[in-house]
Amino acid sequence: MKAPEIKKIVENRFQELGASKILLSPSDYCWEFQGEFYKMTALSDFWIIEWTNNPFYALNQCFEDVDPMQYNLLEQQIIEYINKLLQH
């Protein structure tokens, strides 16, 4: 799967679970869910969900990497990963 497809799956799942899209700058955003902030970043070899529980950090784009993930996941695996991440 390619990065844009994964990003769409991730963001759709965030939205389905009730996360709110937060604008960080004119060209960037993150997702807020129960006081925590998440962002998906695509790199050449893997993609990651970035996280912080500090709104000031989120606004300044200071996120911690959660887990690097491969691009060869199925849609259901991505959804299960997001479900697990948001239920911690």
PDB file of N, CA and C in Angstrom:
ATOM      1  N   MET A   1       0.849  -1.173   0.000  1.00  0.00           N
ATOM      2  CA  MET A   1       0.000   0.000   0.000  1.00  0.00           C
ATOM      3  C   MET A   1       0.897   1.239   0.000  1.00  0.00           C
ATOM      4  N   LYS A   2       0.439   2.277  -0.628  1.00  0.00           N
ATOM      5  CA  LYS A   2       1.194   3.531  -0.717  1.00  0.00           C
ATOM      6  C   LYS A   2       0.796   4.473   0.434  1.00  0.00           C
ATOM      7  N   ALA A   3       1.690   5.420   0.705  1.00  0.00           N
ATOM      8  CA  ALA A   3       1.487   6.351   1.820  1.00  0.00           C
ATOM      9  C   ALA A   3       0.144   7.084   1.781  1.00  0.00           C
ATOM     10  N   PRO A   4      -0.290   7.630   0.630  1.00  0.00           N
ATOM     11  CA  PRO A   4      -1.585   8.331   0.637  1.00  0.00           C
ATOM     12  C   PRO A   4      -2.765   7.426   1.008  1.00  0.00           C
ATOM     13  N   GLU A   5      -2.712   6.168   0.596  1.00  0.00           N
ATOM     14  CA  GLU A   5      -3.781   5.225   0.943  1.00  0.00           C
ATOM     15  C   GLU A   5      -3.795   4.962   2.443  1.00  0.00           C
ATOM     16  N   ILE A   6      -2.617   4.765   3.011  1.00  0.00           N
ATOM     17  CA  ILE A   6      -2.516   4.508   4.451  1.00  0.00           C
ATOM     18  C   ILE A   6      -2.979   5.727   5.231  1.00  0.00           C
ATOM     19  N   LYS A   7      -2.548   6.903   4.803  1.00  0.00           N
ATOM     20  CA  LYS A   7      -2.950   8.128   5.497  1.00  0.00           C
ATOM     21  C   LYS A   7      -4.473   8.271   5.493  1.00  0.00           C
ATOM     22  N   LYS A   8      -5.100   7.962   4.379  1.00  0.00           N
ATOM     23  CA  LYS A   8      -6.562   8.050   4.297  1.00  0.00           C
ATOM     24  C   LYS A   8      -7.224   7.062   5.257  1.00  0.00           C
ATOM     25  N   ILE A   9      -6.721   5.834   5.322  1.00  0.00           N
ATOM     26  CA  ILE A   9      -7.271   4.831   6.235  1.00  0.00           C
ATOM     27  C   ILE A   9      -7.115   5.289   7.677  1.00  0.00           C
ATOM     28  N   VAL A  10      -5.911   5.750   8.031  1.00  0.00           N
ATOM     29  CA  VAL A  10      -5.624   6.207   9.395  1.00  0.00           C
ATOM     30  C   VAL A  10      -6.544   7.362   9.770  1.00  0.00           C
ATOM     31  N   GLU A  11      -6.627   8.357   8.910  1.00  0.00           N
ATOM     32  CA  GLU A  11      -7.428   9.536   9.230  1.00  0.00           C
ATOM     33  C   GLU A  11      -8.921   9.220   9.253  1.00  0.00           C
ATOM     34  N   ASN A  12      -9.381   8.359   8.377  1.00  0.00           N
ATOM     35  CA  ASN A  12     -10.786   7.946   8.428  1.00  0.00           C
ATOM     36  C   ASN A  12     -11.093   7.250   9.749  1.00  0.00           C
ATOM     37  N   ARG A  13     -10.157   6.421  10.210  1.00  0.00           N
ATOM     38  CA  ARG A  13     -10.382   5.708  11.477  1.00  0.00           C
ATOM     39  C   ARG A  13     -10.381   6.676  12.648  1.00  0.00           C
ATOM     40  N   PHE A  14      -9.444   7.632  12.653  1.00  0.00           N
ATOM     41  CA  PHE A  14      -9.457   8.656  13.702  1.00  0.00           C
ATOM     42  C   PHE A  14     -10.823   9.335  13.745  1.00  0.00           C
ATOM     43  N   GLN A  15     -11.316   9.727  12.583  1.00  0.00           N
ATOM     44  CA  GLN A  15     -12.597  10.422  12.512  1.00  0.00           C
ATOM     45  C   GLN A  15     -13.743   9.528  12.974  1.00  0.00           C
ATOM     46  N   GLU A  16     -13.749   8.264  12.557  1.00  0.00           N
ATOM     47  CA  GLU A  16     -14.808   7.327  12.970  1.00  0.00           C
ATOM     48  C   GLU A  16     -14.835   7.135  14.484  1.00  0.00           C
ATOM     49  N   LEU A  17     -13.669   7.197  15.120  1.00  0.00           N
ATOM     50  CA  LEU A  17     -13.591   7.010  16.564  1.00  0.00           C
ATOM     51  C   LEU A  17     -13.883   8.293  17.344  1.00  0.00           C
ATOM     52  N   GLY A  18     -14.092   9.401  16.629  1.00  0.00           N
ATOM     53  CA  GLY A  18     -14.479  10.643  17.284  1.00  0.00           C
ATOM     54  C   GLY A  18     -13.362  11.644  17.489  1.00  0.00           C
ATOM     55  N   ALA A  19     -12.217  11.437  16.857  1.00  0.00           N
ATOM     56  CA  ALA A  19     -11.114  12.396  16.977  1.00  0.00           C
ATOM     57  C   ALA A  19     -11.455  13.674  16.211  1.00  0.00           C
ATOM     58  N   SER A  20     -10.904  14.782  16.675  1.00  0.00           N
ATOM     59  CA  SER A  20     -11.115  16.083  16.033  1.00  0.00           C
ATOM     60  C   SER A  20      -9.852  16.499  15.296  1.00  0.00           C
ATOM     61  N   LYS A  21     -10.036  17.010  14.102  1.00  0.00           N
ATOM     62  CA  LYS A  21      -8.908  17.495  13.303  1.00  0.00           C
ATOM     63  C   LYS A  21      -8.531  18.891  13.789  1.00  0.00           C
ATOM     64  N   ILE A  22      -7.258  19.087  14.123  1.00  0.00           N
ATOM     65  CA  ILE A  22      -6.757  20.353  14.659  1.00  0.00           C
ATOM     66  C   ILE A  22      -5.756  20.943  13.670  1.00  0.00           C
ATOM     67  N   LEU A  23      -5.988  22.169  13.235  1.00  0.00           N
ATOM     68  CA  LEU A  23      -5.074  22.847  12.319  1.00  0.00           C
ATOM     69  C   LEU A  23      -3.849  23.339  13.087  1.00  0.00           C
ATOM     70  N   LEU A  24      -2.666  22.931  12.628  1.00  0.00           N
ATOM     71  CA  LEU A  24      -1.411  23.361  13.271  1.00  0.00           C
ATOM     72  C   LEU A  24      -0.784  24.527  12.531  1.00  0.00           C
ATOM     73  N   SER A  25      -0.952  24.546  11.242  1.00  0.00           N
ATOM     74  CA  SER A  25      -0.446  25.620  10.382  1.00  0.00           C
ATOM     75  C   SER A  25      -1.291  25.586   9.112  1.00  0.00           C
ATOM     76  N   PRO A  26      -1.111  26.531   8.216  1.00  0.00           N
ATOM     77  CA  PRO A  26      -1.944  26.502   7.008  1.00  0.00           C
ATOM     78  C   PRO A  26      -1.842  25.198   6.204  1.00  0.00           C
ATOM     79  N   SER A  27      -0.750  24.457   6.369  1.00  0.00           N
ATOM     80  CA  SER A  27      -0.585  23.242   5.564  1.00  0.00           C
ATOM     81  C   SER A  27      -0.424  21.974   6.395  1.00  0.00           C
ATOM     82  N   ASP A  28      -0.665  22.052   7.699  1.00  0.00           N
ATOM     83  CA  ASP A  28      -0.452  20.869   8.531  1.00  0.00           C
ATOM     84  C   ASP A  28      -1.511  20.783   9.630  1.00  0.00           C
ATOM     85  N   TYR A  29      -1.776  19.566  10.055  1.00  0.00           N
ATOM     86  CA  TYR A  29      -2.793  19.328  11.078  1.00  0.00           C
ATOM     87  C   TYR A  29      -2.462  18.058  11.850  1.00  0.00           C
ATOM     88  N   CYS A  30      -3.178  17.868  12.953  1.00  0.00           N
ATOM     89  CA  CYS A  30      -3.084  16.631  13.718  1.00  0.00           C
ATOM     90  C   CYS A  30      -4.495  16.270  14.159  1.00  0.00           C
ATOM     91  N   TRP A  31      -4.608  15.193  14.904  1.00  0.00           N
ATOM     92  CA  TRP A  31      -5.900  14.733  15.405  1.00  0.00           C
ATOM     93  C   TRP A  31      -5.877  14.703  16.923  1.00  0.00           C
ATOM     94  N   GLU A  32      -6.923  15.231  17.550  1.00  0.00           N
ATOM     95  CA  GLU A  32      -7.035  15.225  19.009  1.00  0.00           C
ATOM     96  C   GLU A  32      -8.088  14.195  19.400  1.00  0.00           C
ATOM     97  N   PHE A  33      -7.730  13.340  20.360  1.00  0.00           N
ATOM     98  CA  PHE A  33      -8.649  12.328  20.859  1.00  0.00           C
ATOM     99  C   PHE A  33      -8.443  12.201  22.358  1.00  0.00           C
ATOM    100  N   GLN A  34      -9.459  12.563  23.123  1.00  0.00           N
ATOM    101  CA  GLN A  34      -9.447  12.474  24.580  1.00  0.00           C
ATOM    102  C   GLN A  34      -8.209  13.137  25.198  1.00  0.00           C
ATOM    103  N   GLY A  35      -7.895  14.343  24.720  1.00  0.00           N
ATOM    104  CA  GLY A  35      -6.801  15.126  25.282  1.00  0.00           C
ATOM    105  C   GLY A  35      -5.413  14.731  24.797  1.00  0.00           C
ATOM    106  N   GLU A  36      -5.343  13.831  23.840  1.00  0.00           N
ATOM    107  CA  GLU A  36      -4.060  13.434  23.275  1.00  0.00           C
ATOM    108  C   GLU A  36      -4.057  13.769  21.788  1.00  0.00           C
ATOM    109  N   PHE A  37      -2.870  14.010  21.248  1.00  0.00           N
ATOM    110  CA  PHE A  37      -2.733  14.493  19.882  1.00  0.00           C
ATOM    111  C   PHE A  37      -1.926  13.491  19.058  1.00  0.00           C
ATOM    112  N   TYR A  38      -2.401  13.221  17.839  1.00  0.00           N
ATOM    113  CA  TYR A  38      -1.794  12.218  16.973  1.00  0.00           C
ATOM    114  C   TYR A  38      -1.598  12.786  15.574  1.00  0.00           C
ATOM    115  N   LYS A  39      -0.556  12.302  14.929  1.00  0.00           N
ATOM    116  CA  LYS A  39      -0.257  12.742  13.576  1.00  0.00           C
ATOM    117  C   LYS A  39       0.374  11.571  12.827  1.00  0.00           C
ATOM    118  N   MET A  40       0.002  11.376  11.582  1.00  0.00           N
ATOM    119  CA  MET A  40       0.599  10.325  10.766  1.00  0.00           C
ATOM    120  C   MET A  40       1.650  10.949   9.870  1.00  0.00           C
ATOM    121  N   THR A  41       2.842  10.358   9.854  1.00  0.00           N
ATOM    122  CA  THR A  41       3.931  10.832   9.010  1.00  0.00           C
ATOM    123  C   THR A  41       4.419   9.688   8.139  1.00  0.00           C
ATOM    124  N   ALA A  42       4.543   9.959   6.854  1.00  0.00           N
ATOM    125  CA  ALA A  42       5.025   8.958   5.902  1.00  0.00           C
ATOM    126  C   ALA A  42       6.476   9.259   5.553  1.00  0.00           C
ATOM    127  N   LEU A  43       7.304   8.244   5.685  1.00  0.00           N
ATOM    128  CA  LEU A  43       8.706   8.335   5.297  1.00  0.00           C
ATOM    129  C   LEU A  43       8.946   7.368   4.139  1.00  0.00           C
ATOM    130  N   SER A  44      10.143   7.320   3.625  1.00  0.00           N
ATOM    131  CA  SER A  44      10.381   6.493   2.439  1.00  0.00           C
ATOM    132  C   SER A  44      10.216   5.001   2.703  1.00  0.00           C
ATOM    133  N   ASP A  45      10.682   4.507   3.837  1.00  0.00           N
ATOM    134  CA  ASP A  45      10.650   3.065   4.096  1.00  0.00           C
ATOM    135  C   ASP A  45       9.547   2.625   5.053  1.00  0.00           C
ATOM    136  N   PHE A  46       8.963   3.553   5.787  1.00  0.00           N
ATOM    137  CA  PHE A  46       7.922   3.210   6.750  1.00  0.00           C
ATOM    138  C   PHE A  46       7.095   4.445   7.066  1.00  0.00           C
ATOM    139  N   TRP A  47       6.006   4.227   7.795  1.00  0.00           N
ATOM    140  CA  TRP A  47       5.175   5.332   8.262  1.00  0.00           C
ATOM    141  C   TRP A  47       5.044   5.219   9.770  1.00  0.00           C
ATOM    142  N   ILE A  48       4.777   6.337  10.414  1.00  0.00           N
ATOM    143  CA  ILE A  48       4.665   6.346  11.869  1.00  0.00           C
ATOM    144  C   ILE A  48       3.483   7.206  12.311  1.00  0.00           C
ATOM    145  N   ILE A  49       2.958   6.837  13.457  1.00  0.00           N
ATOM    146  CA  ILE A  49       2.010   7.695  14.158  1.00  0.00           C
ATOM    147  C   ILE A  49       2.833   8.419  15.210  1.00  0.00           C
ATOM    148  N   GLU A  50       2.687   9.729  15.241  1.00  0.00           N
ATOM    149  CA  GLU A  50       3.364  10.538  16.245  1.00  0.00           C
ATOM    150  C   GLU A  50       2.328  10.953  17.283  1.00  0.00           C
ATOM    151  N   TRP A  51       2.765  11.154  18.515  1.00  0.00           N
ATOM    152  CA  TRP A  51       1.850  11.363  19.633  1.00  0.00           C
ATOM    153  C   TRP A  51       2.416  12.365  20.624  1.00  0.00           C
ATOM    154  N   THR A  52       1.526  13.110  21.270  1.00  0.00           N
ATOM    155  CA  THR A  52       1.846  13.902  22.454  1.00  0.00           C
ATOM    156  C   THR A  52       0.553  14.106  23.245  1.00  0.00           C
ATOM    157  N   ASN A  53       0.703  14.301  24.542  1.00  0.00           N
ATOM    158  CA  ASN A  53      -0.469  14.638  25.356  1.00  0.00           C
ATOM    159  C   ASN A  53      -0.418  16.096  25.800  1.00  0.00           C
ATOM    160  N   ASN A  54       0.508  16.858  25.229  1.00  0.00           N
ATOM    161  CA  ASN A  54       0.697  18.255  25.583  1.00  0.00           C
ATOM    162  C   ASN A  54       0.249  19.143  24.414  1.00  0.00           C
ATOM    163  N   PRO A  55      -0.812  19.943  24.578  1.00  0.00           N
ATOM    164  CA  PRO A  55      -1.291  20.775  23.469  1.00  0.00           C
ATOM    165  C   PRO A  55      -0.255  21.778  22.971  1.00  0.00           C
ATOM    166  N   PHE A  56       0.578  22.300  23.869  1.00  0.00           N
ATOM    167  CA  PHE A  56       1.634  23.233  23.460  1.00  0.00           C
ATOM    168  C   PHE A  56       2.634  22.523  22.548  1.00  0.00           C
ATOM    169  N   TYR A  57       2.998  21.294  22.890  1.00  0.00           N
ATOM    170  CA  TYR A  57       3.898  20.509  22.040  1.00  0.00           C
ATOM    171  C   TYR A  57       3.263  20.263  20.676  1.00  0.00           C
ATOM    172  N   ALA A  58       1.986  19.924  20.665  1.00  0.00           N
ATOM    173  CA  ALA A  58       1.304  19.655  19.397  1.00  0.00           C
ATOM    174  C   ALA A  58       1.338  20.896  18.503  1.00  0.00           C
ATOM    175  N   LEU A  59       1.027  22.056  19.065  1.00  0.00           N
ATOM    176  CA  LEU A  59       1.029  23.290  18.279  1.00  0.00           C
ATOM    177  C   LEU A  59       2.417  23.626  17.740  1.00  0.00           C
ATOM    178  N   ASN A  60       3.449  23.178  18.438  1.00  0.00           N
ATOM    179  CA  ASN A  60       4.820  23.413  18.000  1.00  0.00           C
ATOM    180  C   ASN A  60       5.409  22.199  17.279  1.00  0.00           C
ATOM    181  N   GLN A  61       4.533  21.249  16.966  1.00  0.00           N
ATOM    182  CA  GLN A  61       4.881  20.041  16.219  1.00  0.00           C
ATOM    183  C   GLN A  61       6.010  19.240  16.869  1.00  0.00           C
ATOM    184  N   CYS A  62       5.935  19.122  18.190  1.00  0.00           N
ATOM    185  CA  CYS A  62       6.879  18.314  18.960  1.00  0.00           C
ATOM    186  C   CYS A  62       6.162  17.032  19.388  1.00  0.00           C
ATOM    187  N   PHE A  63       6.204  16.041  18.544  1.00  0.00           N
ATOM    188  CA  PHE A  63       5.540  14.767  18.795  1.00  0.00           C
ATOM    189  C   PHE A  63       6.581  13.687  19.048  1.00  0.00           C
ATOM    190  N   GLU A  64       6.181  12.647  19.753  1.00  0.00           N
ATOM    191  CA  GLU A  64       7.018  11.456  19.929  1.00  0.00           C
ATOM    192  C   GLU A  64       6.558  10.400  18.940  1.00  0.00           C
ATOM    193  N   ASP A  65       7.505   9.666  18.386  1.00  0.00           N
ATOM    194  CA  ASP A  65       7.154   8.559  17.492  1.00  0.00           C
ATOM    195  C   ASP A  65       6.600   7.411  18.318  1.00  0.00           C
ATOM    196  N   VAL A  66       5.519   6.806  17.838  1.00  0.00           N
ATOM    197  CA  VAL A  66       4.938   5.660  18.532  1.00  0.00           C
ATOM    198  C   VAL A  66       5.630   4.387  18.060  1.00  0.00           C
ATOM    199  N   ASP A  67       5.334   3.935  16.863  1.00  0.00           N
ATOM    200  CA  ASP A  67       5.944   2.735  16.294  1.00  0.00           C
ATOM    201  C   ASP A  67       6.127   2.930  14.804  1.00  0.00           C
ATOM    202  N   PRO A  68       7.298   2.602  14.257  1.00  0.00           N
ATOM    203  CA  PRO A  68       7.419   2.612  12.798  1.00  0.00           C
ATOM    204  C   PRO A  68       6.665   1.416  12.232  1.00  0.00           C
ATOM    205  N   MET A  69       5.920   1.641  11.168  1.00  0.00           N
ATOM    206  CA  MET A  69       5.103   0.591  10.563  1.00  0.00           C
ATOM    207  C   MET A  69       5.480   0.440   9.096  1.00  0.00           C
ATOM    208  N   GLN A  70       5.441  -0.781   8.608  1.00  0.00           N
ATOM    209  CA  GLN A  70       5.747  -1.070   7.211  1.00  0.00           C
ATOM    210  C   GLN A  70       4.562  -0.705   6.315  1.00  0.00           C
ATOM    211  N   TYR A  71       4.827  -0.525   5.045  1.00  0.00           N
ATOM    212  CA  TYR A  71       3.783  -0.212   4.079  1.00  0.00           C
ATOM    213  C   TYR A  71       3.007  -1.442   3.614  1.00  0.00           C
ATOM    214  N   ASN A  72       3.471  -2.638   3.942  1.00  0.00           N
ATOM    215  CA  ASN A  72       2.839  -3.852   3.423  1.00  0.00           C
ATOM    216  C   ASN A  72       1.701  -4.374   4.304  1.00  0.00           C
ATOM    217  N   LEU A  73       1.087  -3.528   5.099  1.00  0.00           N
ATOM    218  CA  LEU A  73      -0.034  -3.948   5.942  1.00  0.00           C
ATOM    219  C   LEU A  73      -1.343  -3.912   5.167  1.00  0.00           C
ATOM    220  N   LEU A  74      -2.248  -4.762   5.582  1.00  0.00           N
ATOM    221  CA  LEU A  74      -3.599  -4.754   5.029  1.00  0.00           C
ATOM    222  C   LEU A  74      -4.417  -3.677   5.729  1.00  0.00           C
ATOM    223  N   GLU A  75      -5.491  -3.239   5.094  1.00  0.00           N
ATOM    224  CA  GLU A  75      -6.341  -2.204   5.684  1.00  0.00           C
ATOM    225  C   GLU A  75      -6.824  -2.602   7.075  1.00  0.00           C
ATOM    226  N   GLN A  76      -7.259  -3.841   7.241  1.00  0.00           N
ATOM    227  CA  GLN A  76      -7.758  -4.298   8.543  1.00  0.00           C
ATOM    228  C   GLN A  76      -6.666  -4.240   9.610  1.00  0.00           C
ATOM    229  N   GLN A  77      -5.425  -4.523   9.245  1.00  0.00           N
ATOM    230  CA  GLN A  77      -4.320  -4.443  10.200  1.00  0.00           C
ATOM    231  C   GLN A  77      -4.077  -3.004  10.641  1.00  0.00           C
ATOM    232  N   ILE A  78      -4.202  -2.074   9.720  1.00  0.00           N
ATOM    233  CA  ILE A  78      -4.029  -0.658  10.049  1.00  0.00           C
ATOM    234  C   ILE A  78      -5.144  -0.203  10.994  1.00  0.00           C
ATOM    235  N   ILE A  79      -6.373  -0.596  10.695  1.00  0.00           N
ATOM    236  CA  ILE A  79      -7.512  -0.233  11.545  1.00  0.00           C
ATOM    237  C   ILE A  79      -7.341  -0.809  12.950  1.00  0.00           C
ATOM    238  N   GLU A  80      -6.928  -2.065  13.046  1.00  0.00           N
ATOM    239  CA  GLU A  80      -6.706  -2.691  14.356  1.00  0.00           C
ATOM    240  C   GLU A  80      -5.591  -1.984  15.125  1.00  0.00           C
ATOM    241  N   TYR A  81      -4.548  -1.559  14.419  1.00  0.00           N
ATOM    242  CA  TYR A  81      -3.457  -0.829  15.067  1.00  0.00           C
ATOM    243  C   TYR A  81      -3.963   0.496  15.636  1.00  0.00           C
ATOM    244  N   ILE A  82      -4.752   1.244  14.863  1.00  0.00           N
ATOM    245  CA  ILE A  82      -5.294   2.518  15.342  1.00  0.00           C
ATOM    246  C   ILE A  82      -6.238   2.287  16.517  1.00  0.00           C
ATOM    247  N   ASN A  83      -7.093   1.268  16.421  1.00  0.00           N
ATOM    248  CA  ASN A  83      -7.992   0.949  17.541  1.00  0.00           C
ATOM    249  C   ASN A  83      -7.202   0.697  18.814  1.00  0.00           C
ATOM    250  N   LYS A  84      -6.165  -0.116  18.723  1.00  0.00           N
ATOM    251  CA  LYS A  84      -5.337  -0.445  19.884  1.00  0.00           C
ATOM    252  C   LYS A  84      -4.636   0.799  20.429  1.00  0.00           C
ATOM    253  N   LEU A  85      -4.113   1.629  19.535  1.00  0.00           N
ATOM    254  CA  LEU A  85      -3.402   2.834  19.934  1.00  0.00           C
ATOM    255  C   LEU A  85      -4.317   3.788  20.714  1.00  0.00           C
ATOM    256  N   LEU A  86      -5.532   3.960  20.246  1.00  0.00           N
ATOM    257  CA  LEU A  86      -6.437   4.914  20.888  1.00  0.00           C
ATOM    258  C   LEU A  86      -7.141   4.354  22.111  1.00  0.00           C
ATOM    259  N   GLN A  87      -7.052   3.060  22.341  1.00  0.00           N
ATOM    260  CA  GLN A  87      -7.691   2.458  23.508  1.00  0.00           C
ATOM    261  C   GLN A  87      -6.722   2.245  24.674  1.00  0.00           C
ATOM    262  N   HIS A  88      -5.464   2.570  24.501  1.00  0.00           N
ATOM    263  CA  HIS A  88      -4.435   2.295  25.517  1.00  0.00           C
ATOM    264  C   HIS A  88      -4.902   2.665  26.843  1.00  0.00           C
TER     265      HIS A  88
END
